[in-house]
Amino acid sequence: MQYTAIIKEDHGWWIGWIEEVPGVNCREKTHDELITSLRETLKEAIDFNKNDAIISAGKGFKEEIIAI
């Protein structure tokens, strides 16, 4: 999957947000560190949201792929 990072340098820090996933944002000293941090934070958010959805659904659910 692909996501869009909005990034900028601000007073010696690199800050970024993942456009499609609210709450995924990071701040690092270098551009490379920011990209790495955004990737890790995005993966953690997706894993957390997936687990939360499965727990909320309870028993008897099925998963379906939805493309846009």
Protein backbone atom coordinates (compact mmCIF):
# COMPACT_ATOMS: atom_id res chain seq x y z
CA MET A 1 0.00 0.00 0.00
CA GLN A 2 1.07 3.55 -0.54
CA TYR A 3 0.47 6.55 1.67
CA THR A 4 1.33 10.22 1.32
CA ALA A 5 3.66 11.94 3.79
CA ILE A 6 3.39 15.70 4.21
CA ILE A 7 6.80 16.85 5.43
CA LYS A 8 8.62 20.09 6.13
CA GLU A 9 11.65 21.43 7.94
CA ASP A 10 10.86 23.78 10.81
CA HIS A 11 13.48 25.42 13.04
CA GLY A 12 16.00 22.60 12.65
CA TRP A 13 13.45 19.77 12.95
CA TRP A 14 11.79 17.70 10.26
CA ILE A 15 8.10 17.18 10.92
CA GLY A 16 5.67 15.03 8.99
CA TRP A 17 2.17 13.65 8.85
CA ILE A 18 0.60 10.77 6.96
CA GLU A 19 -2.18 12.38 4.96
CA GLU A 20 -4.54 9.41 4.91
CA VAL A 21 -4.25 8.30 8.57
CA PRO A 22 -5.14 10.79 11.31
CA GLY A 23 -2.81 10.76 14.28
CA VAL A 24 0.28 9.49 12.44
CA ASN A 25 2.79 12.30 12.80
CA CYS A 26 6.45 12.49 13.79
CA ARG A 27 9.30 14.92 14.42
CA GLU A 28 12.97 14.07 13.88
CA LYS A 29 16.31 15.84 13.41
CA THR A 30 16.92 14.59 9.86
CA HIS A 31 14.80 13.87 6.80
CA ASP A 32 15.90 10.22 6.73
CA GLU A 33 15.07 9.74 10.41
CA LEU A 34 11.66 11.30 9.82
CA ILE A 35 10.82 8.95 6.93
CA THR A 36 11.90 5.94 9.01
CA SER A 37 9.88 7.14 11.99
CA LEU A 38 6.78 7.80 9.85
CA ARG A 39 7.00 4.29 8.35
CA GLU A 40 7.29 2.66 11.78
CA THR A 41 4.51 4.78 13.30
CA LEU A 42 2.21 4.12 10.32
CA LYS A 43 2.77 0.36 10.58
CA GLU A 44 2.06 0.44 14.32
CA ALA A 45 -1.13 2.47 13.77
CA ILE A 46 -2.39 0.10 11.08
CA ASP A 47 -1.63 -2.97 13.23
CA PHE A 48 -3.32 -1.37 16.25
CA ASN A 49 -6.40 -0.36 14.24
CA LYS A 50 -6.66 -3.83 12.69
CA ASN A 51 -6.44 -5.56 16.08
CA ASP A 52 -8.95 -3.11 17.57
CA ALA A 53 -11.42 -3.77 14.72
CA ILE A 54 -11.08 -7.55 15.14
CA ILE A 55 -11.68 -7.31 18.89
CA SER A 56 -14.66 -4.99 18.34
CA ALA A 57 -16.21 -7.32 15.75
CA GLY A 58 -16.22 -10.29 18.11
CA LYS A 59 -17.00 -13.74 16.73
CA GLY A 60 -18.41 -14.62 13.34
CA PHE A 61 -16.89 -11.86 11.25
CA LYS A 62 -15.19 -12.11 7.87
CA GLU A 63 -12.70 -9.84 6.20
CA GLU A 64 -13.18 -8.44 2.71
CA ILE A 65 -10.79 -6.40 0.59
CA ILE A 66 -12.18 -3.02 -0.48
CA ALA A 67 -10.34 -1.01 -3.10
CA ILE A 68 -10.96 2.63 -3.95
